[in-house]
C-alpha atoms as a PDB file:
ATOM      1  CA  UNK A   1      -0.010   0.169  -0.345  1.00  0.00           C
ATOM      2  CA  UNK A   2       1.495   3.501  -0.895  1.00  0.00           C
ATOM      3  CA  UNK A   3       0.398   6.694   1.188  1.00  0.00           C
ATOM      4  CA  UNK A   4       0.297   9.520  -0.655  1.00  0.00           C
ATOM      5  CA  UNK A   5       0.234  13.384   0.834  1.00  0.00           C
ATOM      6  CA  UNK A   6      -3.435  15.164   0.990  1.00  0.00           C
ATOM      7  CA  UNK A   7      -3.605  18.095  -1.394  1.00  0.00           C
ATOM      8  CA  UNK A   8      -3.044  21.772   0.383  1.00  0.00           C
ATOM      9  CA  UNK A   9      -4.471  24.967  -0.413  1.00  0.00           C
ATOM     10  CA  UNK A  10      -2.080  26.130  -2.358  1.00  0.00           C
ATOM     11  CA  UNK A  11      -2.421  23.135  -4.678  1.00  0.00           C
ATOM     12  CA  UNK A  12      -3.602  24.671  -7.845  1.00  0.00           C
ATOM     13  CA  UNK A  13      -7.082  23.317  -9.505  1.00  0.00           C
ATOM     14  CA  UNK A  14      -8.397  24.012 -12.981  1.00  0.00           C
ATOM     15  CA  UNK A  15     -10.672  26.362 -13.953  1.00  0.00           C
ATOM     16  CA  UNK A  16     -13.981  25.643 -13.478  1.00  0.00           C
ATOM     17  CA  UNK A  17     -17.338  27.848 -13.213  1.00  0.00           C
ATOM     18  CA  UNK A  18     -17.074  30.919 -11.071  1.00  0.00           C
ATOM     19  CA  UNK A  19     -20.787  30.561  -9.764  1.00  0.00           C
ATOM     20  CA  UNK A  20     -20.411  26.643  -8.603  1.00  0.00           C
ATOM     21  CA  UNK A  21     -21.318  26.771  -5.109  1.00  0.00           C
ATOM     22  CA  UNK A  22     -18.833  23.235  -4.388  1.00  0.00           C
ATOM     23  CA  UNK A  23     -15.373  24.520  -5.123  1.00  0.00           C
ATOM     24  CA  UNK A  24     -13.844  23.054  -8.205  1.00  0.00           C
ATOM     25  CA  UNK A  25     -17.203  21.768  -9.481  1.00  0.00           C
ATOM     26  CA  UNK A  26     -18.389  22.087 -13.103  1.00  0.00           C
ATOM     27  CA  UNK A  27     -21.333  21.646 -14.951  1.00  0.00           C
ATOM     28  CA  UNK A  28     -21.815  18.767 -17.493  1.00  0.00           C
ATOM     29  CA  UNK A  29     -21.450  19.277 -20.569  1.00  0.00           C
ATOM     30  CA  UNK A  30     -23.934  17.467 -22.173  1.00  0.00           C
ATOM     31  CA  UNK A  31     -26.390  15.534 -19.966  1.00  0.00           C
ATOM     32  CA  UNK A  32     -28.484  12.389 -22.469  1.00  0.00           C
ATOM     33  CA  UNK A  33     -31.482   9.992 -21.655  1.00  0.00           C
ATOM     34  CA  UNK A  34     -30.526   6.284 -23.139  1.00  0.00           C
ATOM     35  CA  UNK A  35     -32.486   3.568 -23.546  1.00  0.00           C
ATOM     36  CA  UNK A  36     -30.663   0.257 -22.348  1.00  0.00           C
ATOM     37  CA  UNK A  37     -31.557  -2.766 -20.730  1.00  0.00           C
ATOM     38  CA  UNK A  38     -35.754  -1.771 -20.684  1.00  0.00           C
ATOM     39  CA  UNK A  39     -34.996   1.373 -18.957  1.00  0.00           C
ATOM     40  CA  UNK A  40     -33.793   4.658 -19.675  1.00  0.00           C
ATOM     41  CA  UNK A  41     -30.461   5.804 -18.685  1.00  0.00           C
ATOM     42  CA  UNK A  42     -29.062   8.916 -17.870  1.00  0.00           C
ATOM     43  CA  UNK A  43     -25.988   9.984 -18.603  1.00  0.00           C
ATOM     44  CA  UNK A  44     -23.777  13.206 -17.581  1.00  0.00           C
ATOM     45  CA  UNK A  45     -20.622  14.066 -20.204  1.00  0.00           C
ATOM     46  CA  UNK A  46     -17.748  15.932 -19.895  1.00  0.00           C
ATOM     47  CA  UNK A  47     -14.980  15.870 -23.109  1.00  0.00           C
ATOM     48  CA  UNK A  48     -14.725  14.963 -26.031  1.00  0.00           C
ATOM     49  CA  UNK A  49     -17.020  12.347 -27.205  1.00  0.00           C
ATOM     50  CA  UNK A  50     -13.695  11.485 -29.678  1.00  0.00           C
ATOM     51  CA  UNK A  51     -12.087  10.355 -26.561  1.00  0.00           C
ATOM     52  CA  UNK A  52     -11.525   7.136 -24.890  1.00  0.00           C
ATOM     53  CA  UNK A  53     -14.296   7.025 -22.732  1.00  0.00           C
ATOM     54  CA  UNK A  54     -14.675   6.528 -18.713  1.00  0.00           C
ATOM     55  CA  UNK A  55     -16.987   5.699 -16.963  1.00  0.00           C
ATOM     56  CA  UNK A  56     -17.797   7.376 -13.787  1.00  0.00           C
ATOM     57  CA  UNK A  57     -19.717   5.082 -11.140  1.00  0.00           C
ATOM     58  CA  UNK A  58     -21.340   6.467  -7.919  1.00  0.00           C
ATOM     59  CA  UNK A  59     -22.689   4.901  -4.937  1.00  0.00           C
ATOM     60  CA  UNK A  60     -25.590   3.630  -3.255  1.00  0.00           C
ATOM     61  CA  UNK A  61     -28.444   6.456  -3.098  1.00  0.00           C
ATOM     62  CA  UNK A  62     -26.466   9.091  -4.950  1.00  0.00           C
ATOM     63  CA  UNK A  63     -26.277  10.140  -8.454  1.00  0.00           C
ATOM     64  CA  UNK A  64     -23.921  11.072 -11.111  1.00  0.00           C
ATOM     65  CA  UNK A  65     -23.581  14.554 -10.319  1.00  0.00           C
ATOM     66  CA  UNK A  66     -21.379  13.867  -7.396  1.00  0.00           C
ATOM     67  CA  UNK A  67     -19.096  13.967 -10.108  1.00  0.00           C
ATOM     68  CA  UNK A  68     -19.188  17.354 -11.070  1.00  0.00           C
ATOM     69  CA  UNK A  69     -15.446  17.952  -9.421  1.00  0.00           C
ATOM     70  CA  UNK A  70     -13.811  14.790 -10.854  1.00  0.00           C
ATOM     71  CA  UNK A  71     -15.772  14.590 -14.222  1.00  0.00           C
ATOM     72  CA  UNK A  72     -14.060  18.117 -15.742  1.00  0.00           C
ATOM     73  CA  UNK A  73     -10.825  16.455 -14.042  1.00  0.00           C
ATOM     74  CA  UNK A  74     -10.773  13.159 -15.982  1.00  0.00           C
ATOM     75  CA  UNK A  75     -11.671  15.062 -19.247  1.00  0.00           C
ATOM     76  CA  UNK A  76      -8.701  17.624 -18.904  1.00  0.00           C
ATOM     77  CA  UNK A  77      -6.824  14.784 -19.194  1.00  0.00           C
ATOM     78  CA  UNK A  78      -8.155  13.424 -22.690  1.00  0.00           C
ATOM     79  CA  UNK A  79     -10.622  11.220 -21.758  1.00  0.00           C
ATOM     80  CA  UNK A  80     -14.689  11.173 -22.300  1.00  0.00           C
ATOM     81  CA  UNK A  81     -15.812  11.195 -19.043  1.00  0.00           C
ATOM     82  CA  UNK A  82     -19.298   9.728 -18.742  1.00  0.00           C
ATOM     83  CA  UNK A  83     -21.099  10.074 -15.152  1.00  0.00           C
ATOM     84  CA  UNK A  84     -24.553   7.947 -15.185  1.00  0.00           C
ATOM     85  CA  UNK A  85     -27.184   7.474 -12.523  1.00  0.00           C
ATOM     86  CA  UNK A  86     -27.804   4.087 -12.034  1.00  0.00           C
ATOM     87  CA  UNK A  87     -31.136   2.385 -12.889  1.00  0.00           C
ATOM     88  CA  UNK A  88     -33.471   3.641  -9.350  1.00  0.00           C
ATOM     89  CA  UNK A  89     -31.009   6.575  -8.625  1.00  0.00           C
ATOM     90  CA  UNK A  90     -31.010  10.293 -10.193  1.00  0.00           C
ATOM     91  CA  UNK A  91     -33.083  10.578 -13.275  1.00  0.00           C
ATOM     92  CA  UNK A  92     -32.916   7.223 -14.973  1.00  0.00           C
ATOM     93  CA  UNK A  93     -35.865   4.868 -14.782  1.00  0.00           C
ATOM     94  CA  UNK A  94     -37.002   3.271 -11.796  1.00  0.00           C
ATOM     95  CA  UNK A  95     -36.981  -0.035  -9.758  1.00  0.00           C
ATOM     96  CA  UNK A  96     -39.065  -3.003 -10.415  1.00  0.00           C
ATOM     97  CA  UNK A  97     -37.702  -5.381  -8.727  1.00  0.00           C
ATOM     98  CA  UNK A  98     -34.754  -5.260  -5.203  1.00  0.00           C
ATOM     99  CA  UNK A  99     -32.565  -7.805  -7.484  1.00  0.00           C
ATOM    100  CA  UNK A 100     -30.919  -4.907  -8.414  1.00  0.00           C
ATOM    101  CA  UNK A 101     -27.500  -6.040  -7.891  1.00  0.00           C
ATOM    102  CA  UNK A 102     -26.999  -8.409 -11.175  1.00  0.00           C
ATOM    103  CA  UNK A 103     -29.509  -5.855 -12.985  1.00  0.00           C
ATOM    104  CA  UNK A 104     -27.053  -3.197 -12.730  1.00  0.00           C
ATOM    105  CA  UNK A 105     -23.951  -5.377 -13.761  1.00  0.00           C
ATOM    106  CA  UNK A 106     -26.324  -6.106 -17.243  1.00  0.00           C
ATOM    107  CA  UNK A 107     -27.625  -2.159 -17.497  1.00  0.00           C
ATOM    108  CA  UNK A 108     -23.770  -1.246 -17.221  1.00  0.00           C
ATOM    109  CA  UNK A 109     -22.358  -3.970 -19.940  1.00  0.00           C
ATOM    110  CA  UNK A 110     -25.251  -2.821 -22.062  1.00  0.00           C
ATOM    111  CA  UNK A 111     -24.434   0.709 -21.882  1.00  0.00           C
ATOM    112  CA  UNK A 112     -20.867  -0.173 -22.759  1.00  0.00           C
ATOM    113  CA  UNK A 113     -21.262  -2.821 -25.785  1.00  0.00           C
ATOM    114  CA  UNK A 114     -24.369  -1.214 -27.188  1.00  0.00           C
ATOM    115  CA  UNK A 115     -23.835   2.860 -26.450  1.00  0.00           C
ATOM    116  CA  UNK A 116     -20.422   3.267 -26.042  1.00  0.00           C
ATOM    117  CA  UNK A 117     -18.876   0.728 -28.122  1.00  0.00           C
ATOM    118  CA  UNK A 118     -15.722   0.482 -27.032  1.00  0.00           C
ATOM    119  CA  UNK A 119     -14.176  -0.667 -24.111  1.00  0.00           C
ATOM    120  CA  UNK A 120     -13.832   1.856 -20.868  1.00  0.00           C
ATOM    121  CA  UNK A 121     -12.249   2.999 -17.937  1.00  0.00           C
ATOM    122  CA  UNK A 122     -14.021   2.650 -14.607  1.00  0.00           C
ATOM    123  CA  UNK A 123     -13.639   4.986 -11.985  1.00  0.00           C
ATOM    124  CA  UNK A 124     -16.063   4.175  -9.202  1.00  0.00           C
ATOM    125  CA  UNK A 125     -17.030   4.944  -5.436  1.00  0.00           C
ATOM    126  CA  UNK A 126     -18.408   2.477  -2.699  1.00  0.00           C
ATOM    127  CA  UNK A 127     -21.844   0.673  -4.444  1.00  0.00           C
ATOM    128  CA  UNK A 128     -20.601   1.593  -7.685  1.00  0.00           C
ATOM    129  CA  UNK A 129     -17.397   0.384  -7.093  1.00  0.00           C
ATOM    130  CA  UNK A 130     -19.173  -3.257  -6.468  1.00  0.00           C
ATOM    131  CA  UNK A 131     -20.643  -2.943 -10.509  1.00  0.00           C
ATOM    132  CA  UNK A 132     -17.473  -1.978 -11.322  1.00  0.00           C
ATOM    133  CA  UNK A 133     -15.699  -5.072 -10.415  1.00  0.00           C
ATOM    134  CA  UNK A 134     -19.085  -7.284 -11.864  1.00  0.00           C
ATOM    135  CA  UNK A 135     -18.527  -5.207 -14.734  1.00  0.00           C
ATOM    136  CA  UNK A 136     -14.898  -5.860 -15.396  1.00  0.00           C
ATOM    137  CA  UNK A 137     -14.964  -9.434 -14.303  1.00  0.00           C
ATOM    138  CA  UNK A 138     -18.145 -11.013 -16.053  1.00  0.00           C
ATOM    139  CA  UNK A 139     -17.325  -9.109 -19.024  1.00  0.00           C
ATOM    140  CA  UNK A 140     -13.317  -8.368 -19.302  1.00  0.00           C
ATOM    141  CA  UNK A 141     -13.011  -7.385 -22.605  1.00  0.00           C
ATOM    142  CA  UNK A 142     -15.318  -4.346 -21.893  1.00  0.00           C
ATOM    143  CA  UNK A 143     -12.832  -2.920 -19.320  1.00  0.00           C
ATOM    144  CA  UNK A 144      -9.102  -1.462 -19.508  1.00  0.00           C
ATOM    145  CA  UNK A 145      -8.367  -0.529 -16.362  1.00  0.00           C
ATOM    146  CA  UNK A 146     -10.505   0.045 -12.989  1.00  0.00           C
ATOM    147  CA  UNK A 147     -10.241   2.502  -9.898  1.00  0.00           C
ATOM    148  CA  UNK A 148     -11.854   1.640  -7.102  1.00  0.00           C
ATOM    149  CA  UNK A 149     -12.900   4.573  -4.404  1.00  0.00           C
ATOM    150  CA  UNK A 150     -13.463   2.909  -0.842  1.00  0.00           C
ATOM    151  CA  UNK A 151     -15.532   0.257  -2.499  1.00  0.00           C
ATOM    152  CA  UNK A 152     -14.654  -3.527  -1.561  1.00  0.00           C
ATOM    153  CA  UNK A 153     -17.513  -4.634   0.037  1.00  0.00           C
ATOM    154  CA  UNK A 154     -19.117  -5.083   3.543  1.00  0.00           C
ATOM    155  CA  UNK A 155     -16.850  -6.926   6.018  1.00  0.00           C
ATOM    156  CA  UNK A 156     -17.299 -10.445   6.938  1.00  0.00           C
ATOM    157  CA  UNK A 157     -19.753  -9.078   9.924  1.00  0.00           C
ATOM    158  CA  UNK A 158     -22.785  -8.074   7.817  1.00  0.00           C
ATOM    159  CA  UNK A 159     -22.808 -11.685   6.079  1.00  0.00           C
ATOM    160  CA  UNK A 160     -23.983 -13.124   9.296  1.00  0.00           C
ATOM    161  CA  UNK A 161     -27.187 -14.759   9.553  1.00  0.00           C
ATOM    162  CA  UNK A 162     -29.283 -13.158  12.070  1.00  0.00           C
ATOM    163  CA  UNK A 163     -30.295 -15.818  15.390  1.00  0.00           C
ATOM    164  CA  UNK A 164     -33.896 -15.837  14.641  1.00  0.00           C
ATOM    165  CA  UNK A 165     -34.672 -16.345  10.611  1.00  0.00           C
ATOM    166  CA  UNK A 166     -38.667 -16.349  11.015  1.00  0.00           C
ATOM    167  CA  UNK A 167     -38.513 -12.187  12.725  1.00  0.00           C
ATOM    168  CA  UNK A 168     -35.711 -10.998  10.146  1.00  0.00           C
ATOM    169  CA  UNK A 169     -38.805 -12.655   7.276  1.00  0.00           C
ATOM    170  CA  UNK A 170     -41.601 -10.818   9.109  1.00  0.00           C
ATOM    171  CA  UNK A 171     -39.210  -7.077   9.563  1.00  0.00           C
ATOM    172  CA  UNK A 172     -38.610  -7.692   5.730  1.00  0.00           C
ATOM    173  CA  UNK A 173     -41.932  -8.126   4.829  1.00  0.00           C
ATOM    174  CA  UNK A 174     -42.844  -4.954   7.124  1.00  0.00           C
ATOM    175  CA  UNK A 175     -40.679  -2.865   5.336  1.00  0.00           C
ATOM    176  CA  UNK A 176     -41.291  -4.176   1.834  1.00  0.00           C
ATOM    177  CA  UNK A 177     -45.057  -3.123   3.022  1.00  0.00           C
ATOM    178  CA  UNK A 178     -43.782   0.377   4.303  1.00  0.00           C
ATOM    179  CA  UNK A 179     -41.571   0.601   0.624  1.00  0.00           C
ATOM    180  CA  UNK A 180     -44.419  -0.430  -1.592  1.00  0.00           C
ATOM    181  CA  UNK A 181     -47.463   1.162   0.202  1.00  0.00           C
ATOM    182  CA  UNK A 182     -46.712   4.023   2.536  1.00  0.00           C
ATOM    183  CA  UNK A 183     -46.209   7.537   1.864  1.00  0.00           C
ATOM    184  CA  UNK A 184     -43.165   8.672   1.514  1.00  0.00           C
ATOM    185  CA  UNK A 185     -41.212  11.330   3.692  1.00  0.00           C
ATOM    186  CA  UNK A 186     -40.671  14.103   2.471  1.00  0.00           C
ATOM    187  CA  UNK A 187     -38.813  17.670   3.826  1.00  0.00           C
ATOM    188  CA  UNK A 188     -39.726  21.182   3.066  1.00  0.00           C
ATOM    189  CA  UNK A 189     -36.965  22.255   1.796  1.00  0.00           C
ATOM    190  CA  UNK A 190     -33.753  21.140  -0.205  1.00  0.00           C
ATOM    191  CA  UNK A 191     -31.845  23.086   2.816  1.00  0.00           C
ATOM    192  CA  UNK A 192     -33.393  20.509   4.753  1.00  0.00           C
ATOM    193  CA  UNK A 193     -32.537  17.189   2.676  1.00  0.00           C
ATOM    194  CA  UNK A 194     -28.760  18.783   2.983  1.00  0.00           C
ATOM    195  CA  UNK A 195     -28.929  19.063   6.757  1.00  0.00           C
ATOM    196  CA  UNK A 196     -29.689  15.476   6.952  1.00  0.00           C
ATOM    197  CA  UNK A 197     -27.233  14.363   4.444  1.00  0.00           C
ATOM    198  CA  UNK A 198     -24.686  16.062   6.281  1.00  0.00           C
ATOM    199  CA  UNK A 199     -25.983  14.556   9.505  1.00  0.00           C
ATOM    200  CA  UNK A 200     -25.421  10.921   7.904  1.00  0.00           C
ATOM    201  CA  UNK A 201     -21.538  11.955   6.473  1.00  0.00           C
ATOM    202  CA  UNK A 202     -20.055  14.002   8.786  1.00  0.00           C
ATOM    203  CA  UNK A 203     -17.079  14.428   6.722  1.00  0.00           C
ATOM    204  CA  UNK A 204     -19.028  15.765   3.617  1.00  0.00           C
ATOM    205  CA  UNK A 205     -18.772  20.008   3.476  1.00  0.00           C
ATOM    206  CA  UNK A 206     -22.087  22.103   3.368  1.00  0.00           C
ATOM    207  CA  UNK A 207     -21.490  23.191  -0.030  1.00  0.00           C
ATOM    208  CA  UNK A 208     -21.428  18.761  -1.188  1.00  0.00           C
ATOM    209  CA  UNK A 209     -24.078  18.032   1.367  1.00  0.00           C
ATOM    210  CA  UNK A 210     -26.161  20.454  -0.325  1.00  0.00           C
ATOM    211  CA  UNK A 211     -25.101  19.764  -4.060  1.00  0.00           C
ATOM    212  CA  UNK A 212     -25.973  15.939  -3.485  1.00  0.00           C
ATOM    213  CA  UNK A 213     -29.639  17.259  -2.400  1.00  0.00           C
ATOM    214  CA  UNK A 214     -30.169  20.011  -4.733  1.00  0.00           C
ATOM    215  CA  UNK A 215     -29.135  16.961  -7.555  1.00  0.00           C
ATOM    216  CA  UNK A 216     -30.603  14.075  -5.777  1.00  0.00           C
ATOM    217  CA  UNK A 217     -34.533  15.553  -4.779  1.00  0.00           C
ATOM    218  CA  UNK A 218     -37.699  15.723  -6.386  1.00  0.00           C
ATOM    219  CA  UNK A 219     -40.452  18.062  -5.840  1.00  0.00           C
ATOM    220  CA  UNK A 220     -43.160  15.803  -3.620  1.00  0.00           C
ATOM    221  CA  UNK A 221     -46.650  15.854  -3.738  1.00  0.00           C
ATOM    222  CA  UNK A 222     -47.579  17.812  -0.474  1.00  0.00           C
ATOM    223  CA  UNK A 223     -45.343  20.036  -2.250  1.00  0.00           C
ATOM    224  CA  UNK A 224     -42.366  19.282   0.294  1.00  0.00           C
ATOM    225  CA  UNK A 225     -39.305  17.240  -1.166  1.00  0.00           C
ATOM    226  CA  UNK A 226     -38.119  13.530  -1.689  1.00  0.00           C
ATOM    227  CA  UNK A 227     -35.097  11.997  -2.670  1.00  0.00           C
ATOM    228  CA  UNK A 228     -34.518  10.789  -6.664  1.00  0.00           C
ATOM    229  CA  UNK A 229     -33.444   7.435  -5.244  1.00  0.00           C
ATOM    230  CA  UNK A 230     -36.352   4.544  -5.576  1.00  0.00           C
ATOM    231  CA  UNK A 231     -36.958   2.997  -2.699  1.00  0.00           C
ATOM    232  CA  UNK A 232     -36.810  -0.799  -3.753  1.00  0.00           C
ATOM    233  CA  UNK A 233     -33.449  -0.124  -3.736  1.00  0.00           C
ATOM    234  CA  UNK A 234     -33.463  -0.707   0.096  1.00  0.00           C
ATOM    235  CA  UNK A 235     -35.173  -3.881   0.091  1.00  0.00           C
ATOM    236  CA  UNK A 236     -31.793  -5.401  -0.924  1.00  0.00           C
ATOM    237  CA  UNK A 237     -30.946  -8.778  -2.838  1.00  0.00           C
ATOM    238  CA  UNK A 238     -33.227 -11.239  -3.157  1.00  0.00           C
ATOM    239  CA  UNK A 239     -30.725 -13.815  -4.250  1.00  0.00           C
ATOM    240  CA  UNK A 240     -27.377 -15.016  -2.450  1.00  0.00           C
ATOM    241  CA  UNK A 241     -24.577 -12.660  -1.938  1.00  0.00           C
ATOM    242  CA  UNK A 242     -22.311 -13.910   0.560  1.00  0.00           C
ATOM    243  CA  UNK A 243     -18.414 -13.298   0.801  1.00  0.00           C
ATOM    244  CA  UNK A 244     -17.331 -16.507  -0.777  1.00  0.00           C
ATOM    245  CA  UNK A 245     -19.592 -14.217  -3.906  1.00  0.00           C
ATOM    246  CA  UNK A 246     -17.905 -11.399  -3.554  1.00  0.00           C
ATOM    247  CA  UNK A 247     -14.741 -13.221  -3.260  1.00  0.00           C
ATOM    248  CA  UNK A 248     -15.104 -14.675  -6.394  1.00  0.00           C
ATOM    249  CA  UNK A 249     -16.135 -11.572  -8.763  1.00  0.00           C
ATOM    250  CA  UNK A 250     -13.209  -9.618  -7.601  1.00  0.00           C
ATOM    251  CA  UNK A 251     -10.724 -12.543  -8.008  1.00  0.00           C
ATOM    252  CA  UNK A 252     -12.539 -12.553 -11.239  1.00  0.00           C
ATOM    253  CA  UNK A 253     -11.059  -9.185 -12.696  1.00  0.00           C
ATOM    254  CA  UNK A 254      -8.395  -9.673 -15.046  1.00  0.00           C
ATOM    255  CA  UNK A 255      -8.210  -6.091 -15.946  1.00  0.00           C
ATOM    256  CA  UNK A 256      -5.346  -3.801 -13.853  1.00  0.00           C
ATOM    257  CA  UNK A 257      -7.298  -2.257 -10.683  1.00  0.00           C
ATOM    258  CA  UNK A 258      -6.189   0.965  -8.609  1.00  0.00           C
ATOM    259  CA  UNK A 259      -8.023   0.981  -4.840  1.00  0.00           C
ATOM    260  CA  UNK A 260      -7.765   4.669  -3.347  1.00  0.00           C
ATOM    261  CA  UNK A 261      -9.070   4.305   0.243  1.00  0.00           C
ATOM    262  CA  UNK A 262      -9.434   7.355   3.127  1.00  0.00           C
ATOM    263  CA  UNK A 263      -7.590   6.473   6.623  1.00  0.00           C
ATOM    264  CA  UNK A 264     -10.004   8.044   8.782  1.00  0.00           C
ATOM    265  CA  UNK A 265     -13.037   6.031  10.022  1.00  0.00           C
ATOM    266  CA  UNK A 266     -16.094   7.419   8.623  1.00  0.00           C
ATOM    267  CA  UNK A 267     -19.605   6.167   7.951  1.00  0.00           C
ATOM    268  CA  UNK A 268     -20.274   3.532   5.199  1.00  0.00           C
ATOM    269  CA  UNK A 269     -16.045   3.322   6.064  1.00  0.00           C
ATOM    270  CA  UNK A 270     -16.529  -0.260   7.595  1.00  0.00           C
ATOM    271  CA  UNK A 271     -13.608  -2.695   7.030  1.00  0.00           C
ATOM    272  CA  UNK A 272     -10.775  -3.543   9.091  1.00  0.00           C
ATOM    273  CA  UNK A 273      -7.397  -3.091   8.000  1.00  0.00           C
ATOM    274  CA  UNK A 274      -6.831  -6.996   7.298  1.00  0.00           C
ATOM    275  CA  UNK A 275     -10.021  -7.349   5.297  1.00  0.00           C
ATOM    276  CA  UNK A 276      -9.116  -4.492   3.516  1.00  0.00           C
ATOM    277  CA  UNK A 277      -5.907  -6.289   2.602  1.00  0.00           C
ATOM    278  CA  UNK A 278      -7.432  -9.206   1.392  1.00  0.00           C
ATOM    279  CA  UNK A 279      -9.864  -7.739  -0.856  1.00  0.00           C
ATOM    280  CA  UNK A 280      -6.735  -5.738  -2.414  1.00  0.00           C
ATOM    281  CA  UNK A 281      -4.956  -8.989  -2.586  1.00  0.00           C
ATOM    282  CA  UNK A 282      -8.210 -10.454  -4.259  1.00  0.00           C
ATOM    283  CA  UNK A 283      -8.161  -7.948  -7.045  1.00  0.00           C
ATOM    284  CA  UNK A 284      -4.263  -8.067  -7.568  1.00  0.00           C
ATOM    285  CA  UNK A 285      -4.454  -3.895  -7.273  1.00  0.00           C
ATOM    286  CA  UNK A 286      -2.493  -1.302  -6.426  1.00  0.00           C
ATOM    287  CA  UNK A 287      -3.330   0.699  -2.889  1.00  0.00           C
ATOM    288  CA  UNK A 288      -3.112   5.070  -2.664  1.00  0.00           C
ATOM    289  CA  UNK A 289      -4.298   5.404   1.029  1.00  0.00           C
ATOM    290  CA  UNK A 290      -5.192   9.185   1.493  1.00  0.00           C
ATOM    291  CA  UNK A 291      -4.540  10.889   4.519  1.00  0.00           C
ATOM    292  CA  UNK A 292      -7.081  13.114   6.208  1.00  0.00           C
ATOM    293  CA  UNK A 293      -9.845  11.573   4.078  1.00  0.00           C
ATOM    294  CA  UNK A 294     -13.206   8.909   4.609  1.00  0.00           C
ATOM    295  CA  UNK A 295     -15.382   7.253   2.319  1.00  0.00           C
ATOM    296  CA  UNK A 296     -15.972  10.168  -0.042  1.00  0.00           C
ATOM    297  CA  UNK A 297     -12.232  10.688  -0.492  1.00  0.00           C
ATOM    298  CA  UNK A 298     -12.429  12.029  -3.855  1.00  0.00           C
ATOM    299  CA  UNK A 299     -15.116  14.741  -2.868  1.00  0.00           C
ATOM    300  CA  UNK A 300     -12.751  15.566   0.151  1.00  0.00           C
ATOM    301  CA  UNK A 301      -9.187  15.311  -1.592  1.00  0.00           C
ATOM    302  CA  UNK A 302      -9.619  15.669  -5.231  1.00  0.00           C
ATOM    303  CA  UNK A 303      -6.754  16.697  -5.738  1.00  0.00           C
ATOM    304  CA  UNK A 304      -4.718  13.815  -4.101  1.00  0.00           C
ATOM    305  CA  UNK A 305      -7.407  11.203  -5.804  1.00  0.00           C
ATOM    306  CA  UNK A 306      -6.208  12.973  -9.242  1.00  0.00           C
ATOM    307  CA  UNK A 307      -2.568  12.361  -8.630  1.00  0.00           C
ATOM    308  CA  UNK A 308      -2.959   8.367  -7.752  1.00  0.00           C
ATOM    309  CA  UNK A 309      -5.025   7.930 -10.792  1.00  0.00           C
ATOM    310  CA  UNK A 310      -2.740   9.996 -13.124  1.00  0.00           C
ATOM    311  CA  UNK A 311      -0.115   8.039 -12.093  1.00  0.00           C
ATOM    312  CA  UNK A 312      -2.002   4.760 -12.426  1.00  0.00           C
ATOM    313  CA  UNK A 313      -3.211   5.575 -15.939  1.00  0.00           C
ATOM    314  CA  UNK A 314       0.482   6.667 -16.945  1.00  0.00           C
ATOM    315  CA  UNK A 315       1.494   3.370 -16.036  1.00  0.00           C
ATOM    316  CA  UNK A 316      -1.390   1.081 -17.601  1.00  0.00           C
ATOM    317  CA  UNK A 317      -2.617   3.262 -20.709  1.00  0.00           C
ATOM    318  CA  UNK A 318      -5.148   5.294 -21.657  1.00  0.00           C
END
């Protein structure tokens, strides 16, 4: 593992929109809706479409506009940066099943094969990194290289079966009823949604919490706001998913892989050092740790994140 220096205020960043609330963020150059795998996917794009494509994959309950800083930086390296909203997230089509894990694998494969039409580099965060691993492992011909940003999967303890299976099934059935039939909780303003997001992810700056809330909410029937993410996504994966399957997916990846993690405890940063090292080994990956960063490494320190990516692609090619 390599630990690199964090960025400082003296680091020069490329020019961005002067009115961006998030320092360094820039509106996408293009926004598209494409039909893939019997759904609609929203794409947010930066750079020249003729350049080599790089997919940017967000985490669970997030959306492609979380790359409004990283996307332009990737484009400035001479790539066509394509961030998407996963099915059930952002402006993309809804979920009609909780079987999201493998379904989104297929969405990505068909997007690359039928829309992008050439192999991609992938930069992926959290849940999106799991999707990037699945894409690279199952469809190796579609992925040139992969960058995993704090997305090595849940800790082993998360796969432990509950002591009372019957009670767990009943609880899940009640949760399903709430998702399918209960009115969604709304907030009066986007600022309230941003405050809720900031309380969940304490290391996010207020500017990033507001940005994610502004692009991740929609008006509710009662005049307030709800998250765009489909609550069906919270029903989980109604199929076998355990540590053995996770290991198999990661071991199947053939392309060069870079893992970027932070060094700080954070929400959804749950792996022990030993578990992290084991999974880096399954991927046969390079590993860079960014000091003083948590789960959202690329939002907390985009300069250090980009330094790691630039060094990596400089070694493995475009």
